[in-house]
Every structure is written in structure tokens, then in C-alpha cells.
Protein backbone atom coordinates (compact mmCIF):
# COMPACT_ATOMS: atom_id res chain seq x y z
CA UNK A 1 -29.09 52.32 -96.17
CA UNK A 2 -32.01 53.88 -98.01
CA UNK A 3 -33.91 56.25 -95.66
CA UNK A 4 -37.29 54.90 -96.78
CA UNK A 5 -36.34 51.31 -96.00
CA UNK A 6 -34.84 52.25 -92.64
CA UNK A 7 -37.93 54.24 -91.72
CA UNK A 8 -40.15 51.27 -92.51
CA UNK A 9 -38.23 49.27 -89.90
CA UNK A 10 -38.04 52.08 -87.33
CA UNK A 11 -41.78 52.74 -87.07
CA UNK A 12 -42.85 49.28 -85.85
CA UNK A 13 -39.69 49.01 -83.74
CA UNK A 14 -40.57 52.27 -82.00
CA UNK A 15 -44.08 50.99 -81.32
CA UNK A 16 -42.56 47.88 -79.74
CA UNK A 17 -40.18 50.00 -77.67
CA UNK A 18 -42.90 52.24 -76.27
CA UNK A 19 -45.13 49.28 -75.41
CA UNK A 20 -42.34 47.30 -73.73
CA UNK A 21 -41.17 50.37 -71.81
CA UNK A 22 -44.67 51.15 -70.57
CA UNK A 23 -45.29 47.55 -69.44
CA UNK A 24 -41.98 46.17 -68.07
CA UNK A 25 -41.73 42.72 -66.51
CA UNK A 26 -39.01 41.51 -64.16
CA UNK A 27 -36.89 38.36 -64.53
CA UNK A 28 -38.98 35.23 -64.83
CA UNK A 29 -42.21 37.19 -65.35
CA UNK A 30 -41.72 38.25 -69.00
CA UNK A 31 -44.79 36.55 -70.53
CA UNK A 32 -46.31 39.70 -72.03
CA UNK A 33 -42.99 41.05 -73.28
CA UNK A 34 -42.18 37.69 -74.85
CA UNK A 35 -45.52 37.64 -76.66
CA UNK A 36 -44.97 41.20 -77.89
CA UNK A 37 -41.49 40.41 -79.21
CA UNK A 38 -42.58 37.09 -80.74
CA UNK A 39 -45.44 38.83 -82.54
CA UNK A 40 -43.09 41.41 -84.03
CA UNK A 41 -40.65 38.75 -85.26
CA UNK A 42 -43.49 36.72 -86.76
CA UNK A 43 -44.78 39.82 -88.55
CA UNK A 44 -41.32 40.23 -90.09
CA UNK A 45 -41.53 36.70 -91.48
CA UNK A 46 -39.48 34.71 -88.96
CA UNK A 47 -40.43 31.25 -87.70
CA UNK A 48 -40.96 31.83 -84.00
CA UNK A 49 -40.66 29.42 -81.06
CA UNK A 50 -41.67 30.53 -77.57
CA UNK A 51 -41.00 29.03 -74.16
CA UNK A 52 -37.29 28.26 -74.57
CA UNK A 53 -35.63 28.34 -71.16
CA UNK A 54 -38.66 29.95 -69.55
CA UNK A 55 -40.16 32.83 -71.50
CA UNK A 56 -37.36 32.81 -74.09
CA UNK A 57 -38.22 33.61 -77.72
CA UNK A 58 -36.34 32.27 -80.76
CA UNK A 59 -37.04 33.62 -84.24
CA UNK A 60 -35.43 31.97 -87.29
CA UNK A 61 -35.10 33.39 -90.81
CA UNK A 62 -33.58 30.97 -93.33
CA UNK A 63 -32.09 32.32 -96.54
CA UNK A 64 -30.12 29.53 -98.18
CA UNK A 65 -26.74 28.10 -97.33
CA UNK A 66 -24.35 30.22 -95.32
CA UNK A 67 -23.43 31.29 -91.79
CA UNK A 68 -25.82 30.95 -88.88
CA UNK A 69 -25.76 34.23 -86.95
CA UNK A 70 -27.50 34.72 -83.61
CA UNK A 71 -28.64 38.13 -82.36
CA UNK A 72 -29.40 38.32 -78.67
CA UNK A 73 -31.67 40.81 -76.87
CA UNK A 74 -33.13 40.66 -73.36
CA UNK A 75 -36.75 40.59 -72.22
CA UNK A 76 -36.58 41.49 -68.53
CA UNK A 77 -36.70 44.75 -66.59
CA UNK A 78 -35.61 45.75 -63.09
CA UNK A 79 -37.69 45.92 -59.87
CA UNK A 80 -37.33 49.70 -59.77
CA UNK A 81 -39.83 52.56 -59.61
CA UNK A 82 -39.45 54.76 -62.70
CA UNK A 83 -38.94 58.50 -62.10
CA UNK A 84 -38.28 59.78 -65.62
CA UNK A 85 -41.55 61.67 -66.00
CA UNK A 86 -41.85 60.41 -69.57
CA UNK A 87 -45.37 60.21 -71.03
CA UNK A 88 -44.80 56.48 -71.65
CA UNK A 89 -43.22 55.80 -68.24
CA UNK A 90 -43.98 52.59 -66.41
CA UNK A 91 -46.30 52.74 -63.42
CA UNK A 92 -46.23 49.11 -62.29
CA UNK A 93 -43.18 49.21 -59.99
CA UNK A 94 -40.78 47.78 -62.56
CA UNK A 95 -38.64 49.68 -65.06
CA UNK A 96 -36.55 49.14 -68.17
CA UNK A 97 -33.66 50.96 -66.52
CA UNK A 98 -30.97 49.06 -68.42
CA UNK A 99 -32.11 49.51 -72.01
CA UNK A 100 -33.47 46.04 -72.65
CA UNK A 101 -36.53 47.57 -74.32
CA UNK A 102 -34.16 49.37 -76.72
CA UNK A 103 -32.29 46.12 -77.40
CA UNK A 104 -35.55 44.29 -78.18
CA UNK A 105 -36.75 47.04 -80.51
CA UNK A 106 -33.40 47.13 -82.33
CA UNK A 107 -33.37 43.35 -82.76
CA UNK A 108 -36.91 43.42 -84.14
CA UNK A 109 -35.98 46.27 -86.49
CA UNK A 110 -32.91 44.40 -87.68
CA UNK A 111 -34.96 41.25 -88.33
CA UNK A 112 -37.40 43.38 -90.32
CA UNK A 113 -34.62 44.94 -92.41
CA UNK A 114 -32.88 41.63 -93.08
CA UNK A 115 -36.17 40.03 -94.10
CA UNK A 116 -36.62 42.84 -96.65
CA UNK A 117 -33.07 42.56 -98.05
CA UNK A 118 -32.52 38.83 -98.52
CA UNK A 119 -30.90 39.44 -101.92
CA UNK A 120 -27.86 40.85 -100.09
CA UNK A 121 -27.06 37.99 -97.73
CA UNK A 122 -27.12 34.22 -97.38
CA UNK A 123 -27.42 32.02 -94.34
CA UNK A 124 -29.67 31.77 -91.30
CA UNK A 125 -30.59 34.53 -88.90
CA UNK A 126 -31.56 33.50 -85.35
CA UNK A 127 -32.97 36.23 -83.09
CA UNK A 128 -33.17 35.57 -79.34
CA UNK A 129 -35.38 37.25 -76.80
CA UNK A 130 -33.62 36.07 -73.64
CA UNK A 131 -35.36 36.06 -70.26
CA UNK A 132 -33.80 36.75 -66.85
CA UNK A 133 -30.61 38.54 -67.83
CA UNK A 134 -30.76 40.76 -64.76
CA UNK A 135 -30.48 37.68 -62.53
CA UNK A 136 -27.76 36.17 -64.77
CA UNK A 137 -29.82 33.00 -65.20
CA UNK A 138 -31.57 33.36 -68.58
CA UNK A 139 -28.73 32.44 -70.95
CA UNK A 140 -28.03 29.30 -68.94
CA UNK A 141 -31.72 28.37 -69.00
CA UNK A 142 -31.97 28.75 -72.78
CA UNK A 143 -28.78 26.75 -73.37
CA UNK A 144 -29.87 24.01 -70.95
CA UNK A 145 -33.13 23.85 -72.89
CA UNK A 146 -31.15 22.80 -75.96
CA UNK A 147 -30.86 26.13 -77.76
CA UNK A 148 -28.00 25.11 -80.05
CA UNK A 149 -29.21 21.55 -80.53
CA UNK A 150 -32.67 22.78 -81.57
CA UNK A 151 -31.75 25.84 -83.64
CA UNK A 152 -28.22 25.08 -84.84
CA UNK A 153 -24.65 25.91 -83.90
CA UNK A 154 -23.91 29.63 -84.35
CA UNK A 155 -21.20 30.95 -86.62
CA UNK A 156 -21.27 33.99 -84.33
CA UNK A 157 -23.43 35.50 -81.57
CA UNK A 158 -23.90 39.28 -81.55
CA UNK A 159 -25.30 41.65 -78.94
CA UNK A 160 -25.24 45.33 -78.09
CA UNK A 161 -25.97 47.23 -74.90
CA UNK A 162 -27.23 50.70 -74.05
CA UNK A 163 -24.68 52.95 -72.35
CA UNK A 164 -24.59 56.59 -71.14
CA UNK A 165 -22.77 57.79 -74.25
CA UNK A 166 -23.95 60.15 -77.03
CA UNK A 167 -26.67 58.54 -79.13
CA UNK A 168 -25.23 57.13 -82.33
CA UNK A 169 -21.81 56.45 -80.78
CA UNK A 170 -20.59 52.85 -80.92
CA UNK A 171 -17.94 51.57 -78.49
CA UNK A 172 -16.11 48.25 -78.90
CA UNK A 173 -13.87 46.62 -76.31
CA UNK A 174 -10.15 46.20 -76.81
CA UNK A 175 -8.75 43.00 -78.37
CA UNK A 176 -7.35 41.48 -75.16
CA UNK A 177 -9.41 43.06 -72.36
CA UNK A 178 -12.74 41.92 -70.94
CA UNK A 179 -15.76 43.97 -71.98
CA UNK A 180 -17.76 43.15 -68.84
CA UNK A 181 -16.88 41.63 -65.50
CA UNK A 182 -17.22 38.26 -63.85
CA UNK A 183 -20.03 38.41 -61.32
CA UNK A 184 -21.66 36.41 -58.54
CA UNK A 185 -24.78 36.95 -56.46
CA UNK A 186 -25.33 35.16 -53.18
CA UNK A 187 -27.44 35.19 -50.05
CA UNK A 188 -26.21 34.78 -46.49
CA UNK A 189 -28.66 33.61 -43.83
CA UNK A 190 -27.46 34.37 -40.31
CA UNK A 191 -29.06 32.25 -37.58
CA UNK A 192 -29.61 33.85 -34.20
CA UNK A 193 -31.82 33.14 -31.21
CA UNK A 194 -34.84 35.35 -31.01
CA UNK A 195 -36.54 36.77 -27.96
CA UNK A 196 -37.82 39.84 -26.17
CA UNK A 197 -36.05 43.15 -26.65
CA UNK A 198 -36.21 43.65 -22.88
CA UNK A 199 -33.98 40.60 -22.33
CA UNK A 200 -31.27 40.86 -25.00
CA UNK A 201 -28.89 38.77 -22.87
CA UNK A 202 -31.12 35.77 -23.49
CA UNK A 203 -30.89 36.16 -27.25
CA UNK A 204 -28.31 36.02 -30.01
CA UNK A 205 -29.16 39.00 -32.18
CA UNK A 206 -28.60 38.21 -35.87
CA UNK A 207 -29.11 41.87 -36.80
CA UNK A 208 -26.01 42.85 -34.81
CA UNK A 209 -24.07 40.08 -36.53
CA UNK A 210 -25.35 41.22 -39.93
CA UNK A 211 -24.27 44.79 -39.14
CA UNK A 212 -20.79 43.59 -38.24
CA UNK A 213 -20.68 41.57 -41.44
CA UNK A 214 -21.57 44.55 -43.60
CA UNK A 215 -18.64 46.52 -42.24
CA UNK A 216 -16.16 43.66 -42.24
CA UNK A 217 -17.02 42.54 -45.78
CA UNK A 218 -15.79 45.87 -47.12
CA UNK A 219 -12.25 44.76 -46.23
CA UNK A 220 -12.43 42.15 -48.98
CA UNK A 221 -11.99 44.99 -51.46
CA UNK A 222 -10.02 47.39 -49.27
CA UNK A 223 -7.53 44.95 -47.74
CA UNK A 224 -7.64 41.61 -49.59
CA UNK A 225 -7.57 42.72 -53.24
CA UNK A 226 -4.48 44.27 -54.78
CA UNK A 227 -4.87 47.99 -55.56
CA UNK A 228 -4.58 47.24 -59.29
CA UNK A 229 -7.37 44.66 -59.18
CA UNK A 230 -10.85 45.88 -60.02
CA UNK A 231 -13.33 44.37 -57.57
CA UNK A 232 -16.59 45.52 -56.03
CA UNK A 233 -18.66 44.04 -53.20
CA UNK A 234 -22.16 45.31 -52.53
CA UNK A 235 -24.55 44.28 -49.79
CA UNK A 236 -27.67 45.16 -51.69
CA UNK A 237 -30.33 43.77 -49.37
CA UNK A 238 -30.76 43.16 -45.65
CA UNK A 239 -33.95 41.58 -44.34
CA UNK A 240 -34.62 40.94 -40.68
CA UNK A 241 -37.23 41.37 -38.00
CA UNK A 242 -40.93 42.12 -37.72
CA UNK A 243 -41.17 44.51 -34.75
CA UNK A 244 -38.96 46.82 -32.69
CA UNK A 245 -39.58 44.88 -29.47
CA UNK A 246 -38.65 41.49 -30.94
CA UNK A 247 -35.15 40.15 -31.55
CA UNK A 248 -35.53 38.02 -34.69
CA UNK A 249 -34.25 34.51 -35.25
CA UNK A 250 -32.58 35.25 -38.59
CA UNK A 251 -31.17 37.98 -40.80
CA UNK A 252 -30.58 37.61 -44.52
CA UNK A 253 -28.07 39.55 -46.61
CA UNK A 254 -27.97 39.73 -50.40
CA UNK A 255 -24.42 40.21 -51.70
CA UNK A 256 -23.10 40.99 -55.18
CA UNK A 257 -19.49 40.63 -56.28
CA UNK A 258 -17.88 41.81 -59.53
CA UNK A 259 -14.31 41.43 -60.77
CA UNK A 260 -12.51 41.74 -64.07
CA UNK A 261 -11.01 38.25 -63.76
CA UNK A 262 -12.53 34.97 -62.67
CA UNK A 263 -9.51 34.34 -60.41
CA UNK A 264 -10.15 37.57 -58.50
CA UNK A 265 -13.80 36.63 -58.13
CA UNK A 266 -12.85 33.18 -56.80
CA UNK A 267 -10.63 34.72 -54.12
CA UNK A 268 -13.30 37.23 -53.14
CA UNK A 269 -15.95 34.51 -52.79
CA UNK A 270 -13.61 32.49 -50.59
CA UNK A 271 -12.97 35.58 -48.43
CA UNK A 272 -16.71 36.21 -48.05
CA UNK A 273 -17.23 32.63 -46.93
CA UNK A 274 -14.42 32.87 -44.38
CA UNK A 275 -15.55 36.23 -42.95
CA UNK A 276 -19.21 35.24 -42.68
CA UNK A 277 -18.42 32.03 -40.82
CA UNK A 278 -15.94 33.76 -38.49
CA UNK A 279 -18.33 36.60 -37.58
CA UNK A 280 -21.12 34.12 -36.86
CA UNK A 281 -18.77 32.12 -34.65
CA UNK A 282 -17.70 35.32 -32.84
CA UNK A 283 -21.37 36.12 -32.18
CA UNK A 284 -22.02 32.62 -30.78
CA UNK A 285 -24.70 31.96 -33.37
CA UNK A 286 -26.45 28.68 -32.56
CA UNK A 287 -26.07 27.41 -36.14
CA UNK A 288 -23.62 27.86 -38.97
CA UNK A 289 -24.71 30.42 -41.56
CA UNK A 290 -26.22 29.34 -44.88
CA UNK A 291 -24.38 30.72 -47.92
CA UNK A 292 -26.12 30.19 -51.26
CA UNK A 293 -24.68 31.29 -54.61
CA UNK A 294 -27.72 32.32 -56.65
CA UNK A 295 -25.96 32.99 -59.93
CA UNK A 296 -22.53 33.40 -61.43
CA UNK A 297 -21.33 34.64 -64.79
CA UNK A 298 -17.80 34.78 -66.23
CA UNK A 299 -16.04 37.82 -67.63
CA UNK A 300 -16.93 38.61 -71.24
CA UNK A 301 -14.06 38.26 -73.71
CA UNK A 302 -15.11 38.90 -77.31
CA UNK A 303 -13.48 37.25 -80.31
CA UNK A 304 -10.74 39.66 -81.48
CA UNK A 305 -10.98 38.92 -85.23
CA UNK A 306 -14.79 38.98 -85.38
CA UNK A 307 -14.87 42.14 -83.25
CA UNK A 308 -12.40 43.89 -85.53
CA UNK A 309 -14.47 42.93 -88.59
CA UNK A 310 -17.68 44.25 -87.04
CA UNK A 311 -15.90 47.38 -85.84
CA UNK A 312 -14.68 47.96 -89.41
CA UNK A 313 -18.25 47.59 -90.68
CA UNK A 314 -19.44 50.15 -88.12
CA UNK A 315 -16.62 52.52 -89.00
CA UNK A 316 -17.40 52.26 -92.71
CA UNK A 317 -21.07 52.93 -92.02
CA UNK A 318 -20.77 55.76 -89.47
CA UNK A 319 -17.25 57.16 -89.85
CA UNK A 320 -14.35 57.04 -87.40
CA UNK A 321 -15.70 59.80 -85.15
CA UNK A 322 -18.70 57.68 -84.18
CA UNK A 323 -16.81 54.47 -83.34
CA UNK A 324 -14.63 54.39 -80.24
CA UNK A 325 -13.09 52.04 -77.67
CA UNK A 326 -14.87 50.83 -74.54
CA UNK A 327 -12.71 50.31 -71.42
CA UNK A 328 -13.22 47.19 -69.29
CA UNK A 329 -16.35 47.60 -67.17
CA UNK A 330 -17.55 46.08 -63.90
CA UNK A 331 -21.01 45.72 -65.37
CA UNK A 332 -21.89 42.04 -65.66
CA UNK A 333 -23.62 39.87 -68.25
CA UNK A 334 -24.56 36.24 -68.84
CA UNK A 335 -23.82 36.71 -72.56
CA UNK A 336 -20.38 34.98 -72.22
CA UNK A 337 -22.17 31.65 -71.76
CA UNK A 338 -23.12 31.62 -75.45
CA UNK A 339 -19.42 31.19 -76.23
CA UNK A 340 -16.54 29.17 -74.82
CA UNK A 341 -17.37 30.14 -71.22
CA UNK A 342 -20.54 28.07 -71.56
CA UNK A 343 -19.05 24.97 -73.16
CA UNK A 344 -20.20 22.76 -70.28
CA UNK A 345 -23.76 23.81 -71.17
CA UNK A 346 -23.70 23.47 -74.96
CA UNK A 347 -20.51 21.58 -75.84
CA UNK A 348 -19.69 23.84 -78.80
CA UNK A 349 -16.12 25.24 -78.77
CA UNK A 350 -14.94 28.22 -80.76
CA UNK A 351 -18.16 30.23 -81.12
CA UNK A 352 -17.17 33.90 -81.72
CA UNK A 353 -18.92 36.49 -79.56
CA UNK A 354 -19.16 40.18 -80.54
CA UNK A 355 -20.60 42.74 -78.13
CA UNK A 356 -20.54 46.51 -78.25
CA UNK A 357 -21.90 49.50 -76.37
CA UNK A 358 -24.46 51.84 -77.87
CA UNK A 359 -24.94 55.50 -76.88
CA UNK A 360 -28.36 56.65 -75.70
CA UNK A 361 -28.00 60.33 -74.73
CA UNK A 362 -29.35 63.05 -77.01
CA UNK A 363 -26.93 65.73 -78.27
CA UNK A 364 -28.62 68.28 -76.00
CA UNK A 365 -28.35 66.01 -72.94
CA UNK A 366 -24.69 65.45 -73.63
CA UNK A 367 -23.94 69.11 -74.27
CA UNK A 368 -25.85 70.28 -71.19
CA UNK A 369 -24.07 67.86 -68.84
CA UNK A 370 -20.76 67.34 -70.66
CA UNK A 371 -21.40 63.65 -70.18
CA UNK A 372 -21.11 63.70 -66.39
CA UNK A 373 -24.79 64.16 -65.49
CA UNK A 374 -26.39 61.55 -67.75
CA UNK A 375 -28.45 59.16 -65.57
CA UNK A 376 -26.65 55.82 -65.82
CA UNK A 377 -28.10 52.38 -66.32
CA UNK A 378 -30.07 51.12 -63.30
CA UNK A 379 -30.99 54.68 -62.31
CA UNK A 380 -34.72 55.45 -61.86
CA UNK A 381 -34.04 58.45 -64.14
CA UNK A 382 -32.46 56.43 -66.98
CA UNK A 383 -34.14 57.63 -70.18
CA UNK A 384 -32.65 56.92 -73.61
CA UNK A 385 -33.29 59.53 -76.30
CA UNK A 386 -35.16 56.88 -78.22
CA UNK A 387 -35.81 58.81 -81.45
CA UNK A 388 -32.05 59.27 -81.84
CA UNK A 389 -30.81 56.06 -80.25
CA UNK A 390 -33.19 53.55 -81.83
CA UNK A 391 -32.35 54.18 -85.53
CA UNK A 392 -28.65 53.91 -84.66
CA UNK A 393 -29.27 50.73 -82.67
CA UNK A 394 -31.06 49.15 -85.65
CA UNK A 395 -28.43 50.11 -88.23
CA UNK A 396 -25.54 49.09 -85.94
CA UNK A 397 -27.00 45.64 -85.36
CA UNK A 398 -27.96 45.27 -89.02
CA UNK A 399 -24.48 46.18 -90.27
CA UNK A 400 -22.90 43.72 -87.82
CA UNK A 401 -25.29 40.94 -88.79
CA UNK A 402 -24.70 41.51 -92.49
CA UNK A 403 -20.94 41.50 -92.01
CA UNK A 404 -21.15 38.09 -90.35
CA UNK A 405 -23.80 36.70 -92.72
CA UNK A 406 -22.14 37.78 -95.95
CA UNK A 407 -18.48 38.22 -95.02
CA UNK A 408 -18.75 41.98 -95.59
CA UNK A 409 -20.71 41.96 -98.85
CA UNK A 410 -23.99 42.82 -97.17
CA UNK A 411 -22.41 45.57 -95.09
CA UNK A 412 -20.98 47.09 -98.25
CA UNK A 413 -24.44 47.04 -99.80
CA UNK A 414 -25.83 48.88 -96.79
CA UNK A 415 -23.13 51.53 -97.12
CA UNK A 416 -23.82 52.02 -100.83
CA UNK A 417 -27.53 52.37 -100.16
CA UNK A 418 -28.57 49.36 -102.26
CA UNK A 419 -30.10 47.42 -99.36
């Protein structure tokens, strides 16, 4: 790709990145971020629709007959206090600690490049700014809002994700293994009988029951899953009580489960239900507990043929040393719903999904820590080396989009420097 053309796309993308990073918004609150992303896509020449599935943004660039390729990026940040010390750090109690700001900037940069190089591809580009990925609800909301009916059935859906790897390194999943895990989030409301701390015998303390649950739930992984199965269970929140001299009426636990197969996740959810109900019965709780599944997402299996074609395009562009294999991860995504896992939402079988990991650590960071001390995603210290990572993120997404839009012709043009 010509350096001048790439630089023209990087500058506005970097401006978008810095703005989004400085002003993050959590799931369901992404109005400003959506407007920022929509404005950048419109400036690149795309027809933009806002408000799809909440704050979702859809930008469309039509360039004659050909494939319809979707690029997906995420709008939302995490409810996390940033501690990076960066001059553009967030100060509002939220943080782009998972790289969604990088994904948005790369998608905008790719749209800009493709709009400038229409002679080298044919088809329709659709760029998504998806809300509420962190709660695993945004993809479902966009699809339920008629995404494919309104903007057309995809020939492929592409996405990339920041990872604690050297900046400029691309990692694709294996042909038969999941890239990310199946996941579920649920709340458990334990009902007790409140009263005075001086008369505990007249109460049923839901905090004691919740404490017993936290310990017992760990046996779902330790004693109910086979050693070869990959499964995690995290009690991420516990809310109860208002004062030290009051036994509360209720305690609420927030629980997250992740597994590499949907069958393992099903068994784990059934075990959680059984254990919660049994512990509440053992505590003589006056009411059965309330278990509510807030969200669920399947494991991500990418299309093997499409993934191999995109991997080949990346290898031709960057060389073999910069393209590697990503092992199955217990990170979770709602991206699978854009493909066959979401057929009940959109009714479109056989949509290929391609998803890869993108390094974010600078060469110095990697050398200084040997890769073991890089703050991971969801850390308050997560800080991509944006000046190195963003250009690679743009070119990686552009090469993949061109490969799908032009069956490799566009990617070849990028490699020869014509585009």
C-alpha cells in the first residue's frame, strides 16, 4: 500500500481513536461514540444509518455488483477506572480497556481507504459500529432490529480484536477449534429474612448463604468438569446490606461462566442452578432463589476456507513471521451471532465469519517484559501502542476486506502498492 495513501487514512483514524479513548461510554450509553463513528464514516463517503439495535451505526459503501462484506467494530467501553497515566486517558470512570476504540478507528480507516480505492474492488461494504458487546447483547439487538433485512445478506462478516501480542502481529485461529468461548452471565438473588444483628436467631442471613454459595460454586469447575475441559466460573459481584447492625433481606450475586463448548456451558449452568437451590434450602431461606440469565453467547467458530484465504492475504502483505496461530481462548464474544449461531435471529444460513487477533504491544514493551508483563485486556493499565498498532490494524482489516470483496485481486493490488 502506498505510504501516502495509508497515512491519509491513519491521521483521521488516530484522531477518532484519541477522542473515543478519552470519552468512553459503557454498554447502552454509547450515544457520543456512535455519533463520532458515524461522522467519520460519513466523511469517508458512506451512507450512514444510526439507531440500529440501540446506538448501533451502519455505514454502507456501494461500488457496483459483487460481494457484500460486513466489517464489525464495537462502540462500548468497560465500567473501569483507567490507570494508564496516558495524556489522553479517560477520567469519567469508564475505560476502553478491551481495545474497542482501536477497532473503531481501524474500521473507519479501512472505510476511508476502500472509498479511495474503488477501482480495485467491486461490491458493497457495510461497516458496523455495534453497541453493548461487553454485555453480549449488542449483536442480538442489531440483528433483531432487522440488520440483514435492511442492509442485505453478507457474503462474509469480518472482525479483529486487540490482544497482548507484539504490535503488527496477526493471529488466526485453527481450522477446527473455537477462537473464543461460549459464555453466560447471570444473577442470583438469595432471599433471607432480615432483622437486628443482635438477634441473628430471628433472621435468615442471606449474606451467609451467599458466602457458602461462593465457595461451593467453585466445585463446578474443580469437581464437575473433566480436567481436559476448559471452564471458568467467576462470581464477579456481590451486593447485600446497608449497615453493620442490620441483617438484610436479600443478597445478589453476579456470576459469569465461560467454556470452549456449548455442551460444557449447558452442564455448568445446570450445576449452578442445582447448587444455588440446594444451598438456599439448607439455609432455610423463606423463598426460592431467583436465577436470571442476563446474556448468553455461543463459542466462535470461524469459516475454515474464508479464514485461510484471509490468512493468506495477511501473510502475503506482512510476511510469515508476522502471521501466527491463536489458541482457543476463554474470552467471549457475541460476534458468532452474525453467522450460523444466530440463525434463529436472522434466518440466513452459511454466512462465513472471519475473526483474528491483533497485537498491541510496542517492540520496547515486548522486549522489556518478554511478553509476560504486558497488561492484558480488561486491566486498568491496558494501553495499546497506538502509533504502531493502529496502522497495522487498518492494513490488516483492509487486506481482509479486499480479499473478500475482490476474491484476492484487491489484496494483490495492495501488496503491489497500486491501491
